[in-house]
């Protein structure tokens, strides 16, 4: 009798799962005891090219204080496993003409995941014809796109700081004219970017707090300080991270 009951239970278990603690509906996938992440974090290398003038090279601040270096560090912090290879083409005093020539001479790689462009203040300061900026800014944006794998989504244009709100600017005959002229430059750049579908980030208002908050101005009394560049980075970073997804 005992053997008969055992046999019946085995047969019932075959058809119904009798006495089993591992019951499972048809088609249900077993859950592994130690599941592994489906998409483990992989090391990634990002190529970032920063184009500009003194505001990009970071005149009068340390090498790691300028905004491209701060942006690099923050991207790596926000994206563990990411290494950012940063190249900078920028020199204090450069106009749009100088930057175009430097790009031509340097022939940088076109395989960049991110390109920033901040240029134009020296066109204004050196009293170059505004028409030169209008023409050459467009050319530089096209260059930036070409250097960003041909994808305008990988480009960020940054507005020109307003140096009228610095001790240097206040010693000029008409600092208010500086602000008016730079506003003309920035308005043209933003309108062009908006029309062309290119990201434009405004940081000019940060620099216009330079008289109220002197710590935003570097020791030379003219250029942005590390603190100002940190605020620039705070505006650029979320956009850069989104582009690098």
Protein backbone atom coordinates (compact mmCIF):
# COMPACT_ATOMS: atom_id res chain seq x y z
CA UNK A 1 0.00 0.00 0.00
CA UNK A 2 2.83 2.36 0.90
CA UNK A 3 4.52 1.74 -2.45
CA UNK A 4 1.21 2.32 -4.26
CA UNK A 5 0.70 5.70 -2.54
CA UNK A 6 4.25 6.77 -3.42
CA UNK A 7 3.73 5.78 -7.05
CA UNK A 8 0.44 7.70 -7.21
CA UNK A 9 2.07 10.83 -5.75
CA UNK A 10 4.91 10.64 -8.24
CA UNK A 11 2.46 10.32 -11.11
CA UNK A 12 0.39 13.23 -9.78
CA UNK A 13 3.53 15.33 -9.41
CA UNK A 14 4.45 14.66 -13.03
CA UNK A 15 1.15 16.13 -14.26
CA UNK A 16 0.32 18.71 -11.55
CA UNK A 17 3.48 19.45 -9.63
CA UNK A 18 2.20 17.68 -6.51
CA UNK A 19 4.21 18.44 -3.38
CA UNK A 20 6.69 20.73 -5.25
CA UNK A 21 7.90 24.03 -3.81
CA UNK A 22 9.22 25.07 -7.27
CA UNK A 23 5.85 25.45 -9.02
CA UNK A 24 6.09 27.57 -12.17
CA UNK A 25 3.53 28.63 -14.75
CA UNK A 26 4.11 27.62 -18.35
CA UNK A 27 6.28 30.14 -20.16
CA UNK A 28 7.60 31.83 -17.01
CA UNK A 29 11.35 32.49 -17.10
CA UNK A 30 13.31 31.27 -14.09
CA UNK A 31 14.89 34.04 -12.02
CA UNK A 32 18.60 33.36 -11.43
CA UNK A 33 19.71 33.21 -7.83
CA UNK A 34 22.47 35.80 -8.44
CA UNK A 35 21.29 37.99 -11.33
CA UNK A 36 23.96 39.97 -13.16
CA UNK A 37 23.34 43.49 -14.55
CA UNK A 38 22.27 43.30 -18.17
CA UNK A 39 24.29 46.38 -19.12
CA UNK A 40 27.37 46.53 -16.91
CA UNK A 41 29.21 49.87 -16.76
CA UNK A 42 31.92 50.02 -19.41
CA UNK A 43 34.86 52.37 -19.60
CA UNK A 44 34.18 55.13 -22.12
CA UNK A 45 36.45 57.70 -23.71
CA UNK A 46 34.99 61.07 -24.71
CA UNK A 47 36.81 63.48 -27.02
CA UNK A 48 36.14 67.14 -26.18
CA UNK A 49 37.47 70.09 -28.20
CA UNK A 50 37.22 73.64 -26.84
CA UNK A 51 37.57 76.50 -29.33
CA UNK A 52 37.98 80.13 -28.35
CA UNK A 53 40.15 82.90 -26.94
CA UNK A 54 41.20 84.06 -23.45
CA UNK A 55 37.86 82.99 -21.99
CA UNK A 56 38.53 79.43 -23.10
CA UNK A 57 42.24 79.19 -22.34
CA UNK A 58 41.57 80.76 -18.93
CA UNK A 59 43.74 83.88 -18.83
CA UNK A 60 44.90 84.68 -15.27
CA UNK A 61 43.52 81.50 -13.69
CA UNK A 62 45.13 78.11 -13.09
CA UNK A 63 45.15 75.47 -15.83
CA UNK A 64 42.46 73.40 -14.09
CA UNK A 65 40.35 76.47 -13.28
CA UNK A 66 39.27 77.33 -16.83
CA UNK A 67 35.81 76.16 -17.79
CA UNK A 68 36.83 73.42 -20.28
CA UNK A 69 38.92 71.72 -17.57
CA UNK A 70 36.15 72.09 -15.02
CA UNK A 71 33.67 70.69 -17.51
CA UNK A 72 35.98 67.75 -18.18
CA UNK A 73 36.27 66.99 -14.47
CA UNK A 74 32.53 67.25 -13.87
CA UNK A 75 31.68 64.96 -16.78
CA UNK A 76 34.06 62.35 -15.40
CA UNK A 77 32.56 62.79 -11.93
CA UNK A 78 28.98 62.47 -13.16
CA UNK A 79 29.78 59.52 -15.43
CA UNK A 80 31.97 57.02 -13.58
CA UNK A 81 34.13 55.05 -15.98
CA UNK A 82 34.32 57.94 -18.45
CA UNK A 83 37.64 59.46 -19.47
CA UNK A 84 37.50 62.86 -21.20
CA UNK A 85 40.34 63.67 -23.59
CA UNK A 86 40.36 67.47 -23.79
CA UNK A 87 42.00 69.50 -26.55
CA UNK A 88 41.97 73.29 -26.52
CA UNK A 89 42.52 75.61 -29.48
CA UNK A 90 42.48 79.06 -27.92
CA UNK A 91 44.82 81.97 -27.21
CA UNK A 92 44.35 85.28 -25.45
CA UNK A 93 43.65 88.06 -27.94
CA UNK A 94 42.33 85.88 -30.75
CA UNK A 95 39.62 87.21 -33.03
CA UNK A 96 37.39 85.05 -35.20
CA UNK A 97 40.00 85.40 -37.97
CA UNK A 98 42.78 84.12 -35.70
CA UNK A 99 40.74 81.12 -34.59
CA UNK A 100 39.82 80.19 -38.15
CA UNK A 101 43.48 80.32 -39.12
CA UNK A 102 44.52 78.25 -36.11
CA UNK A 103 42.00 75.54 -36.95
CA UNK A 104 43.24 75.45 -40.52
CA UNK A 105 46.88 75.27 -39.41
CA UNK A 106 46.29 72.75 -36.63
CA UNK A 107 44.05 70.45 -38.64
CA UNK A 108 42.47 68.94 -35.50
CA UNK A 109 40.68 65.61 -35.44
CA UNK A 110 37.07 65.63 -36.63
CA UNK A 111 36.19 62.74 -34.32
CA UNK A 112 35.10 64.81 -31.32
CA UNK A 113 32.07 63.89 -29.22
CA UNK A 114 31.70 67.45 -27.93
CA UNK A 115 32.86 70.84 -29.22
CA UNK A 116 32.40 74.19 -27.46
CA UNK A 117 32.86 77.55 -29.18
CA UNK A 118 33.28 80.90 -27.39
CA UNK A 119 34.64 83.68 -29.59
CA UNK A 120 34.12 87.32 -30.55
CA UNK A 121 35.18 89.55 -27.68
CA UNK A 122 38.41 90.58 -29.41
CA UNK A 123 36.55 91.46 -32.60
CA UNK A 124 34.65 93.97 -30.48
CA UNK A 125 37.65 95.12 -28.42
CA UNK A 126 39.84 95.60 -31.51
CA UNK A 127 37.01 97.46 -33.27
CA UNK A 128 36.81 95.04 -36.17
CA UNK A 129 33.88 95.52 -38.53
CA UNK A 130 30.83 93.71 -37.16
CA UNK A 131 30.29 92.22 -40.63
CA UNK A 132 33.54 90.27 -40.19
CA UNK A 133 32.16 88.65 -37.07
CA UNK A 134 28.88 87.87 -38.80
CA UNK A 135 30.63 86.07 -41.62
CA UNK A 136 33.37 84.36 -39.64
CA UNK A 137 31.19 83.28 -36.74
CA UNK A 138 29.05 81.31 -39.19
CA UNK A 139 32.22 79.78 -40.66
CA UNK A 140 33.43 78.83 -37.19
CA UNK A 141 30.14 77.17 -36.33
CA UNK A 142 30.42 75.16 -39.53
CA UNK A 143 34.00 74.24 -38.58
CA UNK A 144 32.84 73.21 -35.12
CA UNK A 145 30.18 70.95 -36.59
CA UNK A 146 32.72 69.37 -38.92
CA UNK A 147 35.03 68.72 -35.96
CA UNK A 148 32.14 67.20 -34.01
CA UNK A 149 31.70 64.21 -36.31
CA UNK A 150 29.63 66.37 -38.63
CA UNK A 151 26.79 66.45 -36.09
CA UNK A 152 25.52 69.83 -34.91
CA UNK A 153 23.97 68.12 -31.89
CA UNK A 154 27.52 67.73 -30.53
CA UNK A 155 28.21 71.49 -30.57
CA UNK A 156 27.65 74.05 -27.81
CA UNK A 157 28.11 77.77 -28.51
CA UNK A 158 28.78 79.87 -25.40
CA UNK A 159 27.93 83.56 -25.21
CA UNK A 160 30.60 86.27 -24.87
CA UNK A 161 31.24 87.55 -21.33
CA UNK A 162 30.69 91.26 -20.65
CA UNK A 163 33.98 92.77 -19.52
CA UNK A 164 32.35 96.16 -18.90
CA UNK A 165 31.48 94.79 -15.44
CA UNK A 166 35.13 94.52 -14.37
CA UNK A 167 37.58 97.06 -12.90
CA UNK A 168 39.32 97.18 -16.31
CA UNK A 169 36.03 97.81 -18.09
CA UNK A 170 35.00 100.54 -15.69
CA UNK A 171 38.18 102.43 -16.49
CA UNK A 172 37.27 102.63 -20.17
CA UNK A 173 35.75 105.91 -21.45
CA UNK A 174 32.29 104.41 -22.13
CA UNK A 175 31.77 101.00 -20.51
CA UNK A 176 28.08 101.12 -21.35
CA UNK A 177 29.02 101.06 -25.04
CA UNK A 178 30.97 97.85 -24.46
CA UNK A 179 27.86 96.18 -23.07
CA UNK A 180 25.73 97.45 -25.98
CA UNK A 181 28.18 96.20 -28.60
CA UNK A 182 28.66 92.80 -26.95
CA UNK A 183 24.89 92.45 -26.73
CA UNK A 184 24.79 92.94 -30.51
CA UNK A 185 27.35 90.15 -30.95
CA UNK A 186 25.54 87.79 -28.62
CA UNK A 187 22.14 88.52 -30.12
CA UNK A 188 23.45 87.71 -33.59
CA UNK A 189 25.07 84.49 -32.36
CA UNK A 190 22.01 83.32 -30.47
CA UNK A 191 19.63 84.12 -33.32
CA UNK A 192 21.84 82.25 -35.76
CA UNK A 193 22.11 79.23 -33.45
CA UNK A 194 18.38 79.18 -32.77
CA UNK A 195 17.63 79.25 -36.50
CA UNK A 196 20.23 76.58 -37.28
CA UNK A 197 19.19 74.30 -34.41
CA UNK A 198 22.48 74.64 -32.52
CA UNK A 199 22.71 74.77 -28.74
CA UNK A 200 23.50 78.24 -27.36
CA UNK A 201 24.31 78.73 -23.67
CA UNK A 202 24.14 82.23 -22.18
CA UNK A 203 26.70 82.97 -19.46
CA UNK A 204 26.94 86.74 -20.03
CA UNK A 205 24.66 87.59 -17.12
CA UNK A 206 27.05 85.80 -14.75
CA UNK A 207 29.87 88.15 -15.75
CA UNK A 208 27.56 91.15 -15.41
CA UNK A 209 27.61 90.49 -11.66
CA UNK A 210 31.35 91.17 -11.58
CA UNK A 211 31.11 94.58 -9.91
CA UNK A 212 28.61 93.40 -7.32
CA UNK A 213 30.60 90.22 -6.64
CA UNK A 214 34.33 90.93 -7.20
CA UNK A 215 35.22 87.27 -6.63
CA UNK A 216 33.82 86.60 -10.11
CA UNK A 217 36.75 88.56 -11.59
CA UNK A 218 40.30 87.21 -11.84
CA UNK A 219 43.29 88.93 -10.22
CA UNK A 220 44.01 90.85 -13.45
CA UNK A 221 40.78 92.81 -13.02
CA UNK A 222 39.51 91.78 -16.44
CA UNK A 223 38.96 88.07 -16.98
CA UNK A 224 36.58 85.67 -15.21
CA UNK A 225 37.82 83.99 -12.04
CA UNK A 226 37.75 80.30 -11.21
CA UNK A 227 34.46 80.93 -9.39
CA UNK A 228 32.94 82.50 -12.50
CA UNK A 229 34.10 79.56 -14.63
CA UNK A 230 32.50 77.22 -12.11
CA UNK A 231 29.21 78.98 -12.74
CA UNK A 232 29.77 78.73 -16.51
CA UNK A 233 30.34 75.01 -16.07
CA UNK A 234 27.18 74.66 -14.03
CA UNK A 235 25.14 75.89 -16.99
CA UNK A 236 26.98 73.91 -19.65
CA UNK A 237 27.30 70.59 -17.79
CA UNK A 238 23.66 69.35 -17.90
CA UNK A 239 23.52 70.05 -21.63
CA UNK A 240 26.86 68.36 -22.27
CA UNK A 241 25.81 65.27 -20.30
CA UNK A 242 22.60 65.03 -22.30
CA UNK A 243 24.53 65.26 -25.56
CA UNK A 244 26.94 62.53 -24.45
CA UNK A 245 24.25 60.00 -23.57
